[in-house]
Amino acid sequence: MPRPNDHLALIRFPHGVHDFTAALGIHTWWDHLEQAAVFIIDGYSNAAVSLGGLQKTRDLHGHLQPAVNSIRSTRGNWRAALATGDWNKCNSLQSRRAISQKPILLVKAVTLIVALEGLISERTDISASQISANIDQLYNDVRIVPAFYKLDGFDEKTYVALSDAVKSDCAHAINALGVARGANILTEMASGHHATHDVAAAVQTELAKHKLPFAIVTARRANGGKGNVKPACKSFAL
């Protein structure tokens, strides 16, 4: 499909949830998530290689500023919906994080998808019709996955009290989702970092087997509405 007019169409919410208000249960969701690095671009690395012909990450870097310019000039509705100065720039750090499926800000995720469209559009090794097909495929294959979930009350004290067997079962459940470094992610969740819904649900299920019930909750700003949301687990990777 072509680039959607609504950038939120790029986001894949779990279990039939259709928007941020429903996902977080609050109307002021952007106030909570503006500076929250809790978004992963699922399929980005594969699309960059298979559709964009990417061989080195730096080949994408030259498309970052044009993507910013494109959004600023033609996507005023995107910028109005997410009123933040972060639309004004996107650098190579973000592109490297996207390629390795690390969490980033929402506006950076959207910009990087547009940058990949630019990389595809300038390929000289394939025909114009194939370029068009690849761009359509990009918007079919790539989705932004929110990683703003955690288990309410699952903290470092709880983690330390778990047996090694339970910790191992939780780590294996995370790895079974195709996510690397499940053991690391488990410890990061215990320290307050957020995860994708699938990861949170997998850990929730394993802990419930041992009569340790934890509810899945969504991101909230710290300190009574002040401060930034804790970022997503830094160990997310392909």
C-alpha atoms as a PDB file:
ATOM      1  CA  MET A   1       0.000   0.000   0.000  1.00  0.00           C
ATOM      2  CA  PRO A   2       1.165   3.608  -0.455  1.00  0.00           C
ATOM      3  CA  ARG A   3       2.396   5.741   2.432  1.00  0.00           C
ATOM      4  CA  PRO A   4      -0.667   6.256   4.667  1.00  0.00           C
ATOM      5  CA  ASN A   5      -2.032   9.724   5.259  1.00  0.00           C
ATOM      6  CA  ASP A   6      -2.367   8.916   8.944  1.00  0.00           C
ATOM      7  CA  HIS A   7       1.006   8.060  10.473  1.00  0.00           C
ATOM      8  CA  LEU A   8      -0.735   6.232  13.311  1.00  0.00           C
ATOM      9  CA  ALA A   9      -1.759   3.628  10.738  1.00  0.00           C
ATOM     10  CA  LEU A  10       1.872   2.494  10.908  1.00  0.00           C
ATOM     11  CA  ILE A  11       1.435   1.379  14.511  1.00  0.00           C
ATOM     12  CA  ARG A  12       0.413  -2.169  15.391  1.00  0.00           C
ATOM     13  CA  PHE A  13      -1.555  -2.321  18.633  1.00  0.00           C
ATOM     14  CA  PRO A  14      -2.187  -5.688  20.306  1.00  0.00           C
ATOM     15  CA  HIS A  15      -5.435  -7.590  20.629  1.00  0.00           C
ATOM     16  CA  GLY A  16      -7.824  -5.392  18.726  1.00  0.00           C
ATOM     17  CA  VAL A  17      -6.855  -2.123  20.408  1.00  0.00           C
ATOM     18  CA  HIS A  18      -7.178   0.606  17.778  1.00  0.00           C
ATOM     19  CA  ASP A  19      -5.579   3.735  19.160  1.00  0.00           C
ATOM     20  CA  PHE A  20      -3.417   5.204  21.902  1.00  0.00           C
ATOM     21  CA  THR A  21      -6.311   6.414  24.024  1.00  0.00           C
ATOM     22  CA  ALA A  22      -7.671   2.875  24.193  1.00  0.00           C
ATOM     23  CA  ALA A  23      -4.200   1.359  24.538  1.00  0.00           C
ATOM     24  CA  LEU A  24      -3.145   3.516  27.476  1.00  0.00           C
ATOM     25  CA  GLY A  25      -6.546   4.250  28.934  1.00  0.00           C
ATOM     26  CA  ILE A  26      -5.826   7.983  29.055  1.00  0.00           C
ATOM     27  CA  HIS A  27      -6.687  10.864  26.743  1.00  0.00           C
ATOM     28  CA  THR A  28      -3.393  12.675  27.328  1.00  0.00           C
ATOM     29  CA  TRP A  29      -1.314   9.839  25.949  1.00  0.00           C
ATOM     30  CA  TRP A  30       1.039  12.126  24.000  1.00  0.00           C
ATOM     31  CA  ASP A  31       1.964  14.021  27.148  1.00  0.00           C
ATOM     32  CA  HIS A  32       3.183  10.694  28.494  1.00  0.00           C
ATOM     33  CA  LEU A  33       4.929   9.396  25.404  1.00  0.00           C
ATOM     34  CA  GLU A  34       6.436  12.427  23.671  1.00  0.00           C
ATOM     35  CA  GLN A  35       9.928  11.759  25.046  1.00  0.00           C
ATOM     36  CA  ALA A  36       9.460   8.041  25.649  1.00  0.00           C
ATOM     37  CA  ALA A  37      11.821   5.736  23.750  1.00  0.00           C
ATOM     38  CA  VAL A  38       9.337   2.873  23.727  1.00  0.00           C
ATOM     39  CA  PHE A  39       8.771   2.148  20.020  1.00  0.00           C
ATOM     40  CA  ILE A  40      10.371  -0.560  17.883  1.00  0.00           C
ATOM     41  CA  ILE A  41      10.088  -0.713  14.082  1.00  0.00           C
ATOM     42  CA  ASP A  42       9.244  -4.337  13.470  1.00  0.00           C
ATOM     43  CA  GLY A  43      10.633  -5.672  10.199  1.00  0.00           C
ATOM     44  CA  TYR A  44      12.765  -2.608   9.541  1.00  0.00           C
ATOM     45  CA  SER A  45      16.094  -4.380   9.143  1.00  0.00           C
ATOM     46  CA  ASN A  46      14.678  -6.991   6.758  1.00  0.00           C
ATOM     47  CA  ALA A  47      12.897  -4.334   4.703  1.00  0.00           C
ATOM     48  CA  ALA A  48      16.022  -2.192   4.515  1.00  0.00           C
ATOM     49  CA  VAL A  49      17.945  -5.101   3.001  1.00  0.00           C
ATOM     50  CA  SER A  50      15.295  -6.816   0.875  1.00  0.00           C
ATOM     51  CA  LEU A  51      13.420  -3.739  -0.347  1.00  0.00           C
ATOM     52  CA  GLY A  52      15.983  -0.959   0.012  1.00  0.00           C
ATOM     53  CA  GLY A  53      19.026  -2.944  -1.057  1.00  0.00           C
ATOM     54  CA  LEU A  54      20.837  -1.682   2.043  1.00  0.00           C
ATOM     55  CA  GLN A  55      24.389  -2.997   2.398  1.00  0.00           C
ATOM     56  CA  LYS A  56      25.798  -0.589   4.980  1.00  0.00           C
ATOM     57  CA  THR A  57      23.820   1.337   7.568  1.00  0.00           C
ATOM     58  CA  ARG A  58      25.450   4.596   6.518  1.00  0.00           C
ATOM     59  CA  ASP A  59      23.770   4.241   3.100  1.00  0.00           C
ATOM     60  CA  LEU A  60      20.539   5.115   4.898  1.00  0.00           C
ATOM     61  CA  HIS A  61      21.940   8.152   6.673  1.00  0.00           C
ATOM     62  CA  GLY A  62      21.793  10.414   3.619  1.00  0.00           C
ATOM     63  CA  HIS A  63      18.042   9.914   3.473  1.00  0.00           C
ATOM     64  CA  LEU A  64      17.337  11.079   7.018  1.00  0.00           C
ATOM     65  CA  GLN A  65      17.253  14.833   6.418  1.00  0.00           C
ATOM     66  CA  PRO A  66      15.238  14.491   3.181  1.00  0.00           C
ATOM     67  CA  ALA A  67      12.727  12.431   5.178  1.00  0.00           C
ATOM     68  CA  VAL A  68      12.508  15.186   7.790  1.00  0.00           C
ATOM     69  CA  ASN A  69      12.039  17.769   5.033  1.00  0.00           C
ATOM     70  CA  SER A  70       9.355  15.647   3.359  1.00  0.00           C
ATOM     71  CA  ILE A  71       7.368  15.304   6.554  1.00  0.00           C
ATOM     72  CA  ARG A  72       7.715  18.989   7.369  1.00  0.00           C
ATOM     73  CA  SER A  73       6.582  20.078   3.892  1.00  0.00           C
ATOM     74  CA  THR A  74       3.886  17.543   3.048  1.00  0.00           C
ATOM     75  CA  ARG A  75       2.676  15.972   6.290  1.00  0.00           C
ATOM     76  CA  GLY A  76       1.418  18.863   8.354  1.00  0.00           C
ATOM     77  CA  ASN A  77      -1.298  16.640   9.819  1.00  0.00           C
ATOM     78  CA  TRP A  78       1.353  14.302  11.235  1.00  0.00           C
ATOM     79  CA  ARG A  79       3.204  17.159  12.895  1.00  0.00           C
ATOM     80  CA  ALA A  80       0.001  18.704  14.209  1.00  0.00           C
ATOM     81  CA  ALA A  81      -1.126  15.439  15.796  1.00  0.00           C
ATOM     82  CA  LEU A  82       2.218  14.989  17.553  1.00  0.00           C
ATOM     83  CA  ALA A  83       3.250  18.533  18.435  1.00  0.00           C
ATOM     84  CA  THR A  84       6.945  18.231  19.199  1.00  0.00           C
ATOM     85  CA  GLY A  85      10.174  19.775  17.999  1.00  0.00           C
ATOM     86  CA  ASP A  86      11.573  16.312  17.448  1.00  0.00           C
ATOM     87  CA  TRP A  87      10.184  16.385  13.898  1.00  0.00           C
ATOM     88  CA  ASN A  88      13.034  18.749  13.035  1.00  0.00           C
ATOM     89  CA  LYS A  89      15.876  16.258  13.019  1.00  0.00           C
ATOM     90  CA  CYS A  90      16.802  12.612  12.802  1.00  0.00           C
ATOM     91  CA  ASN A  91      20.380  11.389  12.981  1.00  0.00           C
ATOM     92  CA  SER A  92      22.466   8.298  12.339  1.00  0.00           C
ATOM     93  CA  LEU A  93      22.101   7.106  15.926  1.00  0.00           C
ATOM     94  CA  GLN A  94      18.391   6.604  15.364  1.00  0.00           C
ATOM     95  CA  SER A  95      18.925   4.753  12.083  1.00  0.00           C
ATOM     96  CA  ARG A  96      21.387   2.372  13.734  1.00  0.00           C
ATOM     97  CA  ARG A  97      18.932   1.761  16.551  1.00  0.00           C
ATOM     98  CA  ALA A  98      16.128   1.078  14.102  1.00  0.00           C
ATOM     99  CA  ILE A  99      18.238  -1.406  12.127  1.00  0.00           C
ATOM    100  CA  SER A 100      19.096  -3.298  15.322  1.00  0.00           C
ATOM    101  CA  GLN A 101      15.465  -3.099  16.513  1.00  0.00           C
ATOM    102  CA  LYS A 102      16.229  -0.972  19.541  1.00  0.00           C
ATOM    103  CA  PRO A 103      13.556   1.288  21.062  1.00  0.00           C
ATOM    104  CA  ILE A 104      13.299   4.871  19.812  1.00  0.00           C
ATOM    105  CA  LEU A 105      10.889   7.825  19.954  1.00  0.00           C
ATOM    106  CA  LEU A 106       7.672   7.604  17.950  1.00  0.00           C
ATOM    107  CA  VAL A 107       8.488  10.581  15.714  1.00  0.00           C
ATOM    108  CA  LYS A 108      11.898   9.076  14.942  1.00  0.00           C
ATOM    109  CA  ALA A 109      10.279   5.765  14.031  1.00  0.00           C
ATOM    110  CA  VAL A 110       7.912   7.478  11.594  1.00  0.00           C
ATOM    111  CA  THR A 111      10.766   9.522  10.092  1.00  0.00           C
ATOM    112  CA  LEU A 112      12.942   6.441   9.624  1.00  0.00           C
ATOM    113  CA  ILE A 113      10.213   4.643   7.708  1.00  0.00           C
ATOM    114  CA  VAL A 114       9.926   7.629   5.362  1.00  0.00           C
ATOM    115  CA  ALA A 115      13.738   7.624   5.051  1.00  0.00           C
ATOM    116  CA  LEU A 116      13.648   3.979   3.998  1.00  0.00           C
ATOM    117  CA  GLU A 117      11.051   4.884   1.384  1.00  0.00           C
ATOM    118  CA  GLY A 118      13.557   7.444   0.094  1.00  0.00           C
ATOM    119  CA  LEU A 119      16.310   4.832  -0.045  1.00  0.00           C
ATOM    120  CA  ILE A 120      14.076   2.537  -2.062  1.00  0.00           C
ATOM    121  CA  SER A 121      12.995   5.299  -4.447  1.00  0.00           C
ATOM    122  CA  GLU A 122      16.603   6.104  -5.391  1.00  0.00           C
ATOM    123  CA  ARG A 123      17.691   2.573  -6.239  1.00  0.00           C
ATOM    124  CA  THR A 124      19.324   2.345  -9.644  1.00  0.00           C
ATOM    125  CA  ASP A 125      19.646  -1.428  -9.797  1.00  0.00           C
ATOM    126  CA  ILE A 126      15.933  -2.154 -10.221  1.00  0.00           C
ATOM    127  CA  SER A 127      13.197  -0.887 -12.530  1.00  0.00           C
ATOM    128  CA  ALA A 128      10.792   1.929 -11.769  1.00  0.00           C
ATOM    129  CA  SER A 129       7.931  -0.549 -11.503  1.00  0.00           C
ATOM    130  CA  GLN A 130       9.897  -2.631  -9.010  1.00  0.00           C
ATOM    131  CA  ILE A 131      10.691   0.485  -6.974  1.00  0.00           C
ATOM    132  CA  SER A 132       6.978   1.271  -6.808  1.00  0.00           C
ATOM    133  CA  ALA A 133       6.209  -2.306  -5.792  1.00  0.00           C
ATOM    134  CA  ASN A 134       8.898  -2.226  -3.106  1.00  0.00           C
ATOM    135  CA  ILE A 135       7.518   0.985  -1.605  1.00  0.00           C
ATOM    136  CA  ASP A 136       4.047  -0.533  -1.469  1.00  0.00           C
ATOM    137  CA  GLN A 137       5.562  -3.622   0.146  1.00  0.00           C
ATOM    138  CA  LEU A 138       7.380  -1.457   2.695  1.00  0.00           C
ATOM    139  CA  TYR A 139       4.107  -0.131   4.057  1.00  0.00           C
ATOM    140  CA  ASN A 140       2.684  -3.652   4.142  1.00  0.00           C
ATOM    141  CA  ASP A 141       5.633  -5.253   5.922  1.00  0.00           C
ATOM    142  CA  VAL A 142       6.896  -2.654   8.395  1.00  0.00           C
ATOM    143  CA  ARG A 143       5.020  -1.667  11.540  1.00  0.00           C
ATOM    144  CA  ILE A 144       5.818   0.351  14.644  1.00  0.00           C
ATOM    145  CA  VAL A 145       5.368  -1.802  17.737  1.00  0.00           C
ATOM    146  CA  PRO A 146       4.734  -0.033  21.066  1.00  0.00           C
ATOM    147  CA  ALA A 147       6.874  -1.304  23.925  1.00  0.00           C
ATOM    148  CA  PHE A 148       5.154   0.634  26.694  1.00  0.00           C
ATOM    149  CA  TYR A 149       3.898  -2.272  28.801  1.00  0.00           C
ATOM    150  CA  LYS A 150       5.128  -3.666  32.104  1.00  0.00           C
ATOM    151  CA  LEU A 151       3.940  -5.905  34.940  1.00  0.00           C
ATOM    152  CA  ASP A 152       2.474  -3.941  37.825  1.00  0.00           C
ATOM    153  CA  GLY A 153       4.536  -4.631  40.933  1.00  0.00           C
ATOM    154  CA  PHE A 154       7.198  -6.711  39.204  1.00  0.00           C
ATOM    155  CA  ASP A 155      10.333  -5.063  40.535  1.00  0.00           C
ATOM    156  CA  GLU A 156      13.919  -5.871  41.459  1.00  0.00           C
ATOM    157  CA  LYS A 157      12.929  -7.230  44.877  1.00  0.00           C
ATOM    158  CA  THR A 158      10.453  -9.610  43.246  1.00  0.00           C
ATOM    159  CA  TYR A 159      13.014 -10.630  40.650  1.00  0.00           C
ATOM    160  CA  VAL A 160      15.659 -11.459  43.264  1.00  0.00           C
ATOM    161  CA  ALA A 161      13.144 -13.648  45.110  1.00  0.00           C
ATOM    162  CA  LEU A 162      12.472 -15.782  42.009  1.00  0.00           C
ATOM    163  CA  SER A 163      14.164 -19.140  41.741  1.00  0.00           C
ATOM    164  CA  ASP A 164      16.685 -19.684  38.968  1.00  0.00           C
ATOM    165  CA  ALA A 165      14.261 -22.128  37.359  1.00  0.00           C
ATOM    166  CA  VAL A 166      11.482 -19.534  37.176  1.00  0.00           C
ATOM    167  CA  LYS A 167      13.866 -16.922  35.814  1.00  0.00           C
ATOM    168  CA  SER A 168      14.993 -19.413  33.176  1.00  0.00           C
ATOM    169  CA  ASP A 169      11.396 -20.270  32.220  1.00  0.00           C
ATOM    170  CA  CYS A 170      10.589 -16.558  31.810  1.00  0.00           C
ATOM    171  CA  ALA A 171      13.699 -15.961  29.704  1.00  0.00           C
ATOM    172  CA  HIS A 172      12.880 -18.927  27.468  1.00  0.00           C
ATOM    173  CA  ALA A 173       9.312 -17.652  27.028  1.00  0.00           C
ATOM    174  CA  ILE A 174      10.694 -14.308  25.839  1.00  0.00           C
ATOM    175  CA  ASN A 175      13.187 -15.966  23.495  1.00  0.00           C
ATOM    176  CA  ALA A 176      10.406 -18.142  22.054  1.00  0.00           C
ATOM    177  CA  LEU A 177       8.845 -14.960  20.651  1.00  0.00           C
ATOM    178  CA  GLY A 178      11.910 -14.468  18.464  1.00  0.00           C
ATOM    179  CA  VAL A 179      13.316 -11.829  20.790  1.00  0.00           C
ATOM    180  CA  ALA A 180      16.973 -12.192  21.691  1.00  0.00           C
ATOM    181  CA  ARG A 181      18.428 -11.884  25.196  1.00  0.00           C
ATOM    182  CA  GLY A 182      15.369 -12.893  27.158  1.00  0.00           C
ATOM    183  CA  ALA A 183      17.307 -13.082  30.429  1.00  0.00           C
ATOM    184  CA  ASN A 184      18.552  -9.508  30.001  1.00  0.00           C
ATOM    185  CA  ILE A 185      15.086  -8.235  29.141  1.00  0.00           C
ATOM    186  CA  LEU A 186      13.659  -9.893  32.243  1.00  0.00           C
ATOM    187  CA  THR A 187      16.120  -8.065  34.506  1.00  0.00           C
ATOM    188  CA  GLU A 188      15.436  -4.789  32.685  1.00  0.00           C
ATOM    189  CA  MET A 189      11.690  -5.241  33.172  1.00  0.00           C
ATOM    190  CA  ALA A 190      12.343  -5.762  36.874  1.00  0.00           C
ATOM    191  CA  SER A 191      14.197  -2.443  36.994  1.00  0.00           C
ATOM    192  CA  GLY A 192      11.163  -0.651  35.549  1.00  0.00           C
ATOM    193  CA  HIS A 193      11.798  -0.696  31.797  1.00  0.00           C
ATOM    194  CA  HIS A 194       8.910  -1.333  29.448  1.00  0.00           C
ATOM    195  CA  ALA A 195       8.408  -4.195  26.991  1.00  0.00           C
ATOM    196  CA  THR A 196       6.182  -5.086  24.078  1.00  0.00           C
ATOM    197  CA  HIS A 197       2.791  -6.499  24.957  1.00  0.00           C
ATOM    198  CA  ASP A 198       3.807  -9.958  23.720  1.00  0.00           C
ATOM    199  CA  VAL A 199       6.855 -10.002  25.997  1.00  0.00           C
ATOM    200  CA  ALA A 200       4.904  -8.722  29.000  1.00  0.00           C
ATOM    201  CA  ALA A 201       2.190 -11.329  28.397  1.00  0.00           C
ATOM    202  CA  ALA A 202       4.738 -14.145  28.059  1.00  0.00           C
ATOM    203  CA  VAL A 203       6.343 -13.250  31.397  1.00  0.00           C
ATOM    204  CA  GLN A 204       2.930 -12.786  32.989  1.00  0.00           C
ATOM    205  CA  THR A 205       1.912 -16.296  31.875  1.00  0.00           C
ATOM    206  CA  GLU A 206       5.068 -17.927  33.206  1.00  0.00           C
ATOM    207  CA  LEU A 207       4.828 -16.195  36.564  1.00  0.00           C
ATOM    208  CA  ALA A 208       1.152 -17.126  36.868  1.00  0.00           C
ATOM    209  CA  LYS A 209       2.135 -20.807  36.601  1.00  0.00           C
ATOM    210  CA  HIS A 210       3.988 -20.296  39.866  1.00  0.00           C
ATOM    211  CA  LYS A 211       1.039 -18.487  41.472  1.00  0.00           C
ATOM    212  CA  LEU A 212       2.641 -15.098  40.996  1.00  0.00           C
ATOM    213  CA  PRO A 213      -0.089 -12.947  39.416  1.00  0.00           C
ATOM    214  CA  PHE A 214       0.880  -9.630  37.844  1.00  0.00           C
ATOM    215  CA  ALA A 215      -1.358  -7.352  35.803  1.00  0.00           C
ATOM    216  CA  ILE A 216      -0.064  -5.797  32.584  1.00  0.00           C
ATOM    217  CA  VAL A 217      -0.135  -1.994  32.777  1.00  0.00           C
ATOM    218  CA  THR A 218       0.846   0.745  30.344  1.00  0.00           C
ATOM    219  CA  ALA A 219       3.312   3.604  30.576  1.00  0.00           C
ATOM    220  CA  ARG A 220       2.777   6.463  32.987  1.00  0.00           C
ATOM    221  CA  ARG A 221       4.979   9.438  33.636  1.00  0.00           C
ATOM    222  CA  ALA A 222       6.875   9.206  36.881  1.00  0.00           C
ATOM    223  CA  ASN A 223       6.469  11.363  39.975  1.00  0.00           C
ATOM    224  CA  GLY A 224       2.795  12.169  39.748  1.00  0.00           C
ATOM    225  CA  GLY A 225       2.765  13.072  36.078  1.00  0.00           C
ATOM    226  CA  LYS A 226       6.177  14.738  35.951  1.00  0.00           C
ATOM    227  CA  GLY A 227       9.325  13.401  34.347  1.00  0.00           C
ATOM    228  CA  ASN A 228       9.749  11.008  31.461  1.00  0.00           C
ATOM    229  CA  VAL A 229       8.388   7.529  30.999  1.00  0.00           C
ATOM    230  CA  LYS A 230      10.964   4.827  31.665  1.00  0.00           C
ATOM    231  CA  PRO A 231      12.344   3.678  28.278  1.00  0.00           C
ATOM    232  CA  ALA A 232      11.806   0.268  26.782  1.00  0.00           C
ATOM    233  CA  CYS A 233      14.223  -2.555  27.541  1.00  0.00           C
ATOM    234  CA  LYS A 234      17.570  -1.698  25.985  1.00  0.00           C
ATOM    235  CA  SER A 235      18.242  -5.358  25.108  1.00  0.00           C
ATOM    236  CA  PHE A 236      15.528  -5.625  22.448  1.00  0.00           C
ATOM    237  CA  ALA A 237      17.242  -6.796  19.274  1.00  0.00           C
ATOM    238  CA  LEU A 238      16.681  -8.939  16.215  1.00  0.00           C
END
